[in-house]
């Protein structure tokens, strides 16, 4: 074979080799890319399975019925007026079975919020967080029933995916400027605040504060656990703990 033909053959072989190398490199890159994408998707699916399932659940879908027999006529009127206005989805639902209270916990303590439900006190822990969760309500509306709550009573705070059970430790009556019980705490508490006296005419000079401690770290949402079952668990947990002194004080 002449050197001319040999040179052509070498060039063709060289080009074919480059093409084959290109095909191999392209296939390798594609395989690596697909493998990484599959691994990323696997991790995402694993994380989704580990996270609480919130899809399709909303506290805003709940319906509530209230006993207005203890409410003042003006507060009843204010509540009915609030139904004509839009409020944000509840942060949680407060439930005190002993006094037949079930009410949405809304974000903030403005007039519309406290006429429609009870309100999360800004600056305190939010429902579902560790620390001191603060909730305020009107003494002539939703929180008038607090007059019948006693130490050792159980309260529930339901968030989107968990239910937290608290046991009342103490009830304090303080000056309206005293915010000491609203400070952050290292242990998990639920603090309910309303004005006092309950039937005072005019601007009430005192604050009625119910302080409760967490007795569970969060139970499954109601679709999986009934209220009576949660209360049974709370009772068992409470009895298993060392007895704490409970008190009602006036300052």
C-alpha atoms as a PDB file:
ATOM      1  CA  UNK A   1       0.000   0.000   0.000  1.00  0.00           C
ATOM      2  CA  UNK A   2       1.349   3.414  -0.949  1.00  0.00           C
ATOM      3  CA  UNK A   3       2.241   5.963   1.726  1.00  0.00           C
ATOM      4  CA  UNK A   4      -0.552   8.203   0.354  1.00  0.00           C
ATOM      5  CA  UNK A   5      -3.217   5.575   0.941  1.00  0.00           C
ATOM      6  CA  UNK A   6      -1.687   4.726   4.306  1.00  0.00           C
ATOM      7  CA  UNK A   7      -1.943   8.369   5.404  1.00  0.00           C
ATOM      8  CA  UNK A   8      -5.636   8.497   4.445  1.00  0.00           C
ATOM      9  CA  UNK A   9      -6.356   5.330   6.401  1.00  0.00           C
ATOM     10  CA  UNK A  10      -4.613   6.712   9.441  1.00  0.00           C
ATOM     11  CA  UNK A  11      -6.658   9.920   9.278  1.00  0.00           C
ATOM     12  CA  UNK A  12      -9.923   7.977   8.971  1.00  0.00           C
ATOM     13  CA  UNK A  13      -8.991   5.751  11.856  1.00  0.00           C
ATOM     14  CA  UNK A  14      -8.073   8.828  13.892  1.00  0.00           C
ATOM     15  CA  UNK A  15     -11.453  10.485  13.133  1.00  0.00           C
ATOM     16  CA  UNK A  16     -13.346   7.277  13.931  1.00  0.00           C
ATOM     17  CA  UNK A  17     -11.439   7.060  17.214  1.00  0.00           C
ATOM     18  CA  UNK A  18     -12.406  10.652  18.109  1.00  0.00           C
ATOM     19  CA  UNK A  19     -16.064   9.911  17.318  1.00  0.00           C
ATOM     20  CA  UNK A  20     -16.011   6.782  19.475  1.00  0.00           C
ATOM     21  CA  UNK A  21     -14.356   8.669  22.320  1.00  0.00           C
ATOM     22  CA  UNK A  22     -17.002  11.406  21.989  1.00  0.00           C
ATOM     23  CA  UNK A  23     -19.808   8.840  22.107  1.00  0.00           C
ATOM     24  CA  UNK A  24     -18.264   7.192  25.168  1.00  0.00           C
ATOM     25  CA  UNK A  25     -17.774  10.506  26.996  1.00  0.00           C
ATOM     26  CA  UNK A  26     -21.322  11.609  26.127  1.00  0.00           C
ATOM     27  CA  UNK A  27     -22.783   8.331  27.395  1.00  0.00           C
ATOM     28  CA  UNK A  28     -20.751   8.566  30.591  1.00  0.00           C
ATOM     29  CA  UNK A  29     -21.871  12.153  31.267  1.00  0.00           C
ATOM     30  CA  UNK A  30     -25.503  11.199  30.606  1.00  0.00           C
ATOM     31  CA  UNK A  31     -25.263   8.225  32.952  1.00  0.00           C
ATOM     32  CA  UNK A  32     -23.685  10.311  35.730  1.00  0.00           C
ATOM     33  CA  UNK A  33     -26.299  13.066  35.297  1.00  0.00           C
ATOM     34  CA  UNK A  34     -29.181  10.599  35.424  1.00  0.00           C
ATOM     35  CA  UNK A  35     -27.689   8.876  38.455  1.00  0.00           C
ATOM     36  CA  UNK A  36     -27.348  12.151  40.350  1.00  0.00           C
ATOM     37  CA  UNK A  37     -30.889  13.187  39.423  1.00  0.00           C
ATOM     38  CA  UNK A  38     -32.247   9.850  40.644  1.00  0.00           C
ATOM     39  CA  UNK A  39     -30.286  10.162  43.903  1.00  0.00           C
ATOM     40  CA  UNK A  40     -31.569  13.703  44.451  1.00  0.00           C
ATOM     41  CA  UNK A  41     -35.171  12.600  43.832  1.00  0.00           C
ATOM     42  CA  UNK A  42     -34.723   9.665  46.233  1.00  0.00           C
ATOM     43  CA  UNK A  43     -33.516  12.021  48.968  1.00  0.00           C
ATOM     44  CA  UNK A  44     -36.463  14.364  48.336  1.00  0.00           C
ATOM     45  CA  UNK A  45     -38.979  11.503  48.573  1.00  0.00           C
ATOM     46  CA  UNK A  46     -37.318  10.218  51.737  1.00  0.00           C
ATOM     47  CA  UNK A  47     -37.512  13.666  53.342  1.00  0.00           C
ATOM     48  CA  UNK A  48     -41.177  14.044  52.353  1.00  0.00           C
ATOM     49  CA  UNK A  49     -42.007  10.716  54.032  1.00  0.00           C
ATOM     50  CA  UNK A  50     -40.187  11.760  57.203  1.00  0.00           C
ATOM     51  CA  UNK A  51     -41.910  15.154  57.450  1.00  0.00           C
ATOM     52  CA  UNK A  52     -45.436  15.488  58.964  1.00  0.00           C
ATOM     53  CA  UNK A  53     -48.108  15.179  56.286  1.00  0.00           C
ATOM     54  CA  UNK A  54     -49.827  18.565  56.121  1.00  0.00           C
ATOM     55  CA  UNK A  55     -51.224  18.302  52.609  1.00  0.00           C
ATOM     56  CA  UNK A  56     -54.997  18.570  52.536  1.00  0.00           C
ATOM     57  CA  UNK A  57     -55.321  19.604  56.210  1.00  0.00           C
ATOM     58  CA  UNK A  58     -56.368  23.061  57.249  1.00  0.00           C
ATOM     59  CA  UNK A  59     -57.515  24.477  60.567  1.00  0.00           C
ATOM     60  CA  UNK A  60     -59.580  27.009  58.630  1.00  0.00           C
ATOM     61  CA  UNK A  61     -61.939  24.205  57.556  1.00  0.00           C
ATOM     62  CA  UNK A  62     -63.109  23.587  61.133  1.00  0.00           C
ATOM     63  CA  UNK A  63     -66.545  24.699  62.247  1.00  0.00           C
ATOM     64  CA  UNK A  64     -67.212  25.988  65.749  1.00  0.00           C
ATOM     65  CA  UNK A  65     -70.306  26.513  67.876  1.00  0.00           C
ATOM     66  CA  UNK A  66     -70.328  28.716  70.951  1.00  0.00           C
ATOM     67  CA  UNK A  67     -72.461  29.092  74.050  1.00  0.00           C
ATOM     68  CA  UNK A  68     -73.147  32.831  74.345  1.00  0.00           C
ATOM     69  CA  UNK A  69     -74.967  32.534  77.687  1.00  0.00           C
ATOM     70  CA  UNK A  70     -72.005  33.988  79.619  1.00  0.00           C
ATOM     71  CA  UNK A  71     -71.129  36.624  77.042  1.00  0.00           C
ATOM     72  CA  UNK A  72     -72.057  40.284  77.272  1.00  0.00           C
ATOM     73  CA  UNK A  73     -74.630  41.421  74.669  1.00  0.00           C
ATOM     74  CA  UNK A  74     -72.079  43.798  73.118  1.00  0.00           C
ATOM     75  CA  UNK A  75     -69.499  41.060  72.750  1.00  0.00           C
ATOM     76  CA  UNK A  76     -72.039  38.808  71.029  1.00  0.00           C
ATOM     77  CA  UNK A  77     -72.811  41.645  68.617  1.00  0.00           C
ATOM     78  CA  UNK A  78     -69.099  42.239  67.991  1.00  0.00           C
ATOM     79  CA  UNK A  79     -68.569  38.549  67.261  1.00  0.00           C
ATOM     80  CA  UNK A  80     -71.440  38.433  64.766  1.00  0.00           C
ATOM     81  CA  UNK A  81     -70.107  41.578  63.084  1.00  0.00           C
ATOM     82  CA  UNK A  82     -66.651  39.978  62.787  1.00  0.00           C
ATOM     83  CA  UNK A  83     -68.150  37.180  60.682  1.00  0.00           C
ATOM     84  CA  UNK A  84     -68.595  39.681  57.847  1.00  0.00           C
ATOM     85  CA  UNK A  85     -64.837  40.290  57.710  1.00  0.00           C
ATOM     86  CA  UNK A  86     -61.979  38.068  56.590  1.00  0.00           C
ATOM     87  CA  UNK A  87     -59.410  36.757  59.041  1.00  0.00           C
ATOM     88  CA  UNK A  88     -56.281  34.698  58.427  1.00  0.00           C
ATOM     89  CA  UNK A  89     -56.183  30.945  58.959  1.00  0.00           C
ATOM     90  CA  UNK A  90     -55.879  29.972  62.657  1.00  0.00           C
ATOM     91  CA  UNK A  91     -52.458  29.215  64.077  1.00  0.00           C
ATOM     92  CA  UNK A  92     -54.002  26.633  66.396  1.00  0.00           C
ATOM     93  CA  UNK A  93     -57.168  25.583  68.213  1.00  0.00           C
ATOM     94  CA  UNK A  94     -57.459  25.954  71.984  1.00  0.00           C
ATOM     95  CA  UNK A  95     -59.623  23.358  73.686  1.00  0.00           C
ATOM     96  CA  UNK A  96     -60.592  23.170  77.379  1.00  0.00           C
ATOM     97  CA  UNK A  97     -63.031  20.293  77.712  1.00  0.00           C
ATOM     98  CA  UNK A  98     -63.978  21.043  81.325  1.00  0.00           C
ATOM     99  CA  UNK A  99     -65.591  24.374  80.388  1.00  0.00           C
ATOM    100  CA  UNK A 100     -66.712  23.336  76.870  1.00  0.00           C
ATOM    101  CA  UNK A 101     -64.356  25.768  75.164  1.00  0.00           C
ATOM    102  CA  UNK A 102     -63.071  25.171  71.650  1.00  0.00           C
ATOM    103  CA  UNK A 103     -61.865  28.311  69.886  1.00  0.00           C
ATOM    104  CA  UNK A 104     -59.435  29.218  67.080  1.00  0.00           C
ATOM    105  CA  UNK A 105     -56.173  30.904  68.037  1.00  0.00           C
ATOM    106  CA  UNK A 106     -55.595  33.690  65.528  1.00  0.00           C
ATOM    107  CA  UNK A 107     -52.449  35.732  64.927  1.00  0.00           C
ATOM    108  CA  UNK A 108     -52.397  38.960  66.952  1.00  0.00           C
ATOM    109  CA  UNK A 109     -54.523  40.764  69.528  1.00  0.00           C
ATOM    110  CA  UNK A 110     -56.287  43.458  67.475  1.00  0.00           C
ATOM    111  CA  UNK A 111     -60.034  44.113  67.851  1.00  0.00           C
ATOM    112  CA  UNK A 112     -61.132  41.958  64.906  1.00  0.00           C
ATOM    113  CA  UNK A 113     -58.982  39.022  66.052  1.00  0.00           C
ATOM    114  CA  UNK A 114     -60.276  39.043  69.639  1.00  0.00           C
ATOM    115  CA  UNK A 115     -63.884  39.415  68.493  1.00  0.00           C
ATOM    116  CA  UNK A 116     -63.559  36.410  66.174  1.00  0.00           C
ATOM    117  CA  UNK A 117     -61.511  34.134  68.452  1.00  0.00           C
ATOM    118  CA  UNK A 118     -58.579  34.341  70.843  1.00  0.00           C
ATOM    119  CA  UNK A 119     -55.207  35.746  69.856  1.00  0.00           C
ATOM    120  CA  UNK A 120     -51.556  34.763  69.920  1.00  0.00           C
ATOM    121  CA  UNK A 121     -49.629  37.389  71.898  1.00  0.00           C
ATOM    122  CA  UNK A 122     -46.788  38.718  69.694  1.00  0.00           C
ATOM    123  CA  UNK A 123     -43.323  38.323  71.180  1.00  0.00           C
ATOM    124  CA  UNK A 124     -44.145  35.088  72.990  1.00  0.00           C
ATOM    125  CA  UNK A 125     -43.626  31.579  71.608  1.00  0.00           C
ATOM    126  CA  UNK A 126     -45.985  30.642  68.801  1.00  0.00           C
ATOM    127  CA  UNK A 127     -48.241  27.570  69.106  1.00  0.00           C
ATOM    128  CA  UNK A 128     -46.179  24.438  68.559  1.00  0.00           C
ATOM    129  CA  UNK A 129     -42.911  26.089  69.584  1.00  0.00           C
ATOM    130  CA  UNK A 130     -40.963  25.505  72.771  1.00  0.00           C
ATOM    131  CA  UNK A 131     -41.109  28.138  75.491  1.00  0.00           C
ATOM    132  CA  UNK A 132     -43.990  30.247  76.785  1.00  0.00           C
ATOM    133  CA  UNK A 133     -46.956  30.292  74.372  1.00  0.00           C
ATOM    134  CA  UNK A 134     -49.182  33.281  75.099  1.00  0.00           C
ATOM    135  CA  UNK A 135     -52.884  33.551  74.202  1.00  0.00           C
ATOM    136  CA  UNK A 136     -55.244  36.448  75.014  1.00  0.00           C
ATOM    137  CA  UNK A 137     -59.034  36.664  74.967  1.00  0.00           C
ATOM    138  CA  UNK A 138     -61.892  38.912  76.109  1.00  0.00           C
ATOM    139  CA  UNK A 139     -63.218  38.456  79.660  1.00  0.00           C
ATOM    140  CA  UNK A 140     -66.813  39.045  78.471  1.00  0.00           C
ATOM    141  CA  UNK A 141     -66.471  36.654  75.526  1.00  0.00           C
ATOM    142  CA  UNK A 142     -64.450  33.517  74.844  1.00  0.00           C
ATOM    143  CA  UNK A 143     -62.360  33.729  78.028  1.00  0.00           C
ATOM    144  CA  UNK A 144     -65.138  34.336  80.551  1.00  0.00           C
ATOM    145  CA  UNK A 145     -65.161  30.568  81.148  1.00  0.00           C
ATOM    146  CA  UNK A 146     -61.647  30.833  82.584  1.00  0.00           C
ATOM    147  CA  UNK A 147     -63.298  31.743  85.893  1.00  0.00           C
ATOM    148  CA  UNK A 148     -64.227  28.040  86.179  1.00  0.00           C
ATOM    149  CA  UNK A 149     -60.782  26.670  85.284  1.00  0.00           C
ATOM    150  CA  UNK A 150     -58.788  25.333  88.235  1.00  0.00           C
ATOM    151  CA  UNK A 151     -55.243  24.080  88.887  1.00  0.00           C
ATOM    152  CA  UNK A 152     -54.664  20.544  87.535  1.00  0.00           C
ATOM    153  CA  UNK A 153     -57.213  21.024  84.704  1.00  0.00           C
ATOM    154  CA  UNK A 154     -56.090  19.881  81.252  1.00  0.00           C
ATOM    155  CA  UNK A 155     -55.964  22.130  78.172  1.00  0.00           C
ATOM    156  CA  UNK A 156     -55.258  21.167  74.557  1.00  0.00           C
ATOM    157  CA  UNK A 157     -53.514  23.233  71.909  1.00  0.00           C
ATOM    158  CA  UNK A 158     -53.905  21.753  68.432  1.00  0.00           C
ATOM    159  CA  UNK A 159     -51.658  22.898  65.593  1.00  0.00           C
ATOM    160  CA  UNK A 160     -51.811  21.739  61.994  1.00  0.00           C
ATOM    161  CA  UNK A 161     -50.222  18.361  62.683  1.00  0.00           C
ATOM    162  CA  UNK A 162     -49.861  17.934  66.447  1.00  0.00           C
ATOM    163  CA  UNK A 163     -51.854  18.244  69.676  1.00  0.00           C
ATOM    164  CA  UNK A 164     -50.115  19.508  72.820  1.00  0.00           C
ATOM    165  CA  UNK A 165     -51.563  18.842  76.267  1.00  0.00           C
ATOM    166  CA  UNK A 166     -50.990  21.240  79.154  1.00  0.00           C
ATOM    167  CA  UNK A 167     -51.912  21.006  82.839  1.00  0.00           C
ATOM    168  CA  UNK A 168     -52.811  24.152  84.766  1.00  0.00           C
ATOM    169  CA  UNK A 169     -50.145  24.982  87.368  1.00  0.00           C
ATOM    170  CA  UNK A 170     -51.424  28.239  88.761  1.00  0.00           C
ATOM    171  CA  UNK A 171     -53.816  31.143  88.368  1.00  0.00           C
ATOM    172  CA  UNK A 172     -52.584  34.673  89.064  1.00  0.00           C
ATOM    173  CA  UNK A 173     -54.427  37.956  89.320  1.00  0.00           C
ATOM    174  CA  UNK A 174     -52.024  40.818  88.659  1.00  0.00           C
ATOM    175  CA  UNK A 175     -52.000  44.512  87.850  1.00  0.00           C
ATOM    176  CA  UNK A 176     -52.675  45.214  84.178  1.00  0.00           C
ATOM    177  CA  UNK A 177     -49.152  46.624  83.774  1.00  0.00           C
ATOM    178  CA  UNK A 178     -47.483  43.513  85.220  1.00  0.00           C
ATOM    179  CA  UNK A 179     -46.025  41.500  82.323  1.00  0.00           C
ATOM    180  CA  UNK A 180     -43.747  39.242  84.379  1.00  0.00           C
ATOM    181  CA  UNK A 181     -45.728  36.089  83.576  1.00  0.00           C
ATOM    182  CA  UNK A 182     -45.494  36.816  79.850  1.00  0.00           C
ATOM    183  CA  UNK A 183     -41.728  36.471  79.733  1.00  0.00           C
ATOM    184  CA  UNK A 184     -40.006  33.669  77.862  1.00  0.00           C
ATOM    185  CA  UNK A 185     -39.390  30.463  79.820  1.00  0.00           C
ATOM    186  CA  UNK A 186     -36.939  27.600  79.441  1.00  0.00           C
ATOM    187  CA  UNK A 187     -39.687  25.003  79.885  1.00  0.00           C
ATOM    188  CA  UNK A 188     -42.772  24.759  77.685  1.00  0.00           C
ATOM    189  CA  UNK A 189     -45.822  26.575  79.035  1.00  0.00           C
ATOM    190  CA  UNK A 190     -49.204  27.843  77.871  1.00  0.00           C
ATOM    191  CA  UNK A 191     -50.261  31.184  79.360  1.00  0.00           C
ATOM    192  CA  UNK A 192     -53.840  32.435  78.931  1.00  0.00           C
ATOM    193  CA  UNK A 193     -54.533  36.109  79.638  1.00  0.00           C
ATOM    194  CA  UNK A 194     -57.761  38.051  80.082  1.00  0.00           C
ATOM    195  CA  UNK A 195     -58.962  41.140  81.940  1.00  0.00           C
ATOM    196  CA  UNK A 196     -60.274  40.982  85.517  1.00  0.00           C
ATOM    197  CA  UNK A 197     -62.712  41.208  87.286  1.00  0.00           C
ATOM    198  CA  UNK A 198     -64.801  39.299  84.800  1.00  0.00           C
ATOM    199  CA  UNK A 199     -67.955  41.371  85.335  1.00  0.00           C
ATOM    200  CA  UNK A 200     -66.269  44.732  85.915  1.00  0.00           C
ATOM    201  CA  UNK A 201     -67.963  47.648  84.154  1.00  0.00           C
ATOM    202  CA  UNK A 202     -65.480  49.791  82.293  1.00  0.00           C
ATOM    203  CA  UNK A 203     -61.763  49.219  81.785  1.00  0.00           C
ATOM    204  CA  UNK A 204     -60.751  46.351  84.091  1.00  0.00           C
ATOM    205  CA  UNK A 205     -57.764  47.174  86.349  1.00  0.00           C
ATOM    206  CA  UNK A 206     -56.378  43.639  86.667  1.00  0.00           C
ATOM    207  CA  UNK A 207     -55.293  40.714  84.524  1.00  0.00           C
ATOM    208  CA  UNK A 208     -56.384  37.112  85.100  1.00  0.00           C
ATOM    209  CA  UNK A 209     -53.596  34.755  84.050  1.00  0.00           C
ATOM    210  CA  UNK A 210     -53.785  30.973  83.760  1.00  0.00           C
ATOM    211  CA  UNK A 211     -50.376  29.288  83.546  1.00  0.00           C
ATOM    212  CA  UNK A 212     -50.099  25.650  82.430  1.00  0.00           C
ATOM    213  CA  UNK A 213     -47.141  23.323  81.815  1.00  0.00           C
ATOM    214  CA  UNK A 214     -46.709  20.908  78.920  1.00  0.00           C
ATOM    215  CA  UNK A 215     -47.428  17.283  79.881  1.00  0.00           C
ATOM    216  CA  UNK A 216     -46.858  15.750  76.438  1.00  0.00           C
ATOM    217  CA  UNK A 217     -44.435  16.626  73.658  1.00  0.00           C
ATOM    218  CA  UNK A 218     -47.132  16.544  70.984  1.00  0.00           C
ATOM    219  CA  UNK A 219     -49.660  13.873  70.072  1.00  0.00           C
ATOM    220  CA  UNK A 220     -50.902  13.004  66.567  1.00  0.00           C
ATOM    221  CA  UNK A 221     -53.589  15.226  65.094  1.00  0.00           C
ATOM    222  CA  UNK A 222     -57.276  14.397  65.778  1.00  0.00           C
ATOM    223  CA  UNK A 223     -57.653  12.218  62.693  1.00  0.00           C
ATOM    224  CA  UNK A 224     -55.486   9.665  64.498  1.00  0.00           C
ATOM    225  CA  UNK A 225     -56.197  10.333  68.176  1.00  0.00           C
ATOM    226  CA  UNK A 226     -59.554  11.150  69.784  1.00  0.00           C
ATOM    227  CA  UNK A 227     -59.934  13.850  72.417  1.00  0.00           C
ATOM    228  CA  UNK A 228     -60.840  11.326  75.115  1.00  0.00           C
ATOM    229  CA  UNK A 229     -57.761   9.245  74.271  1.00  0.00           C
ATOM    230  CA  UNK A 230     -55.545  12.317  74.489  1.00  0.00           C
ATOM    231  CA  UNK A 231     -57.009  13.254  77.867  1.00  0.00           C
ATOM    232  CA  UNK A 232     -56.392   9.695  79.105  1.00  0.00           C
ATOM    233  CA  UNK A 233     -52.760   9.930  78.009  1.00  0.00           C
ATOM    234  CA  UNK A 234     -52.470  13.328  79.714  1.00  0.00           C
ATOM    235  CA  UNK A 235     -53.870  11.910  82.938  1.00  0.00           C
ATOM    236  CA  UNK A 236     -51.450   8.986  82.876  1.00  0.00           C
ATOM    237  CA  UNK A 237     -48.517  11.282  82.127  1.00  0.00           C
ATOM    238  CA  UNK A 238     -49.522  13.705  84.842  1.00  0.00           C
ATOM    239  CA  UNK A 239     -49.868  10.959  87.467  1.00  0.00           C
ATOM    240  CA  UNK A 240     -46.509   9.517  86.524  1.00  0.00           C
ATOM    241  CA  UNK A 241     -44.794  12.870  87.092  1.00  0.00           C
ATOM    242  CA  UNK A 242     -43.802  14.099  90.514  1.00  0.00           C
ATOM    243  CA  UNK A 243     -46.558  16.086  92.176  1.00  0.00           C
ATOM    244  CA  UNK A 244     -46.123  19.804  91.580  1.00  0.00           C
ATOM    245  CA  UNK A 245     -47.617  22.409  93.920  1.00  0.00           C
ATOM    246  CA  UNK A 246     -50.529  24.187  92.258  1.00  0.00           C
ATOM    247  CA  UNK A 247     -51.866  27.475  93.461  1.00  0.00           C
ATOM    248  CA  UNK A 248     -54.077  30.415  92.840  1.00  0.00           C
ATOM    249  CA  UNK A 249     -52.608  33.757  93.846  1.00  0.00           C
ATOM    250  CA  UNK A 250     -53.619  37.378  93.866  1.00  0.00           C
ATOM    251  CA  UNK A 251     -51.165  40.219  93.592  1.00  0.00           C
END
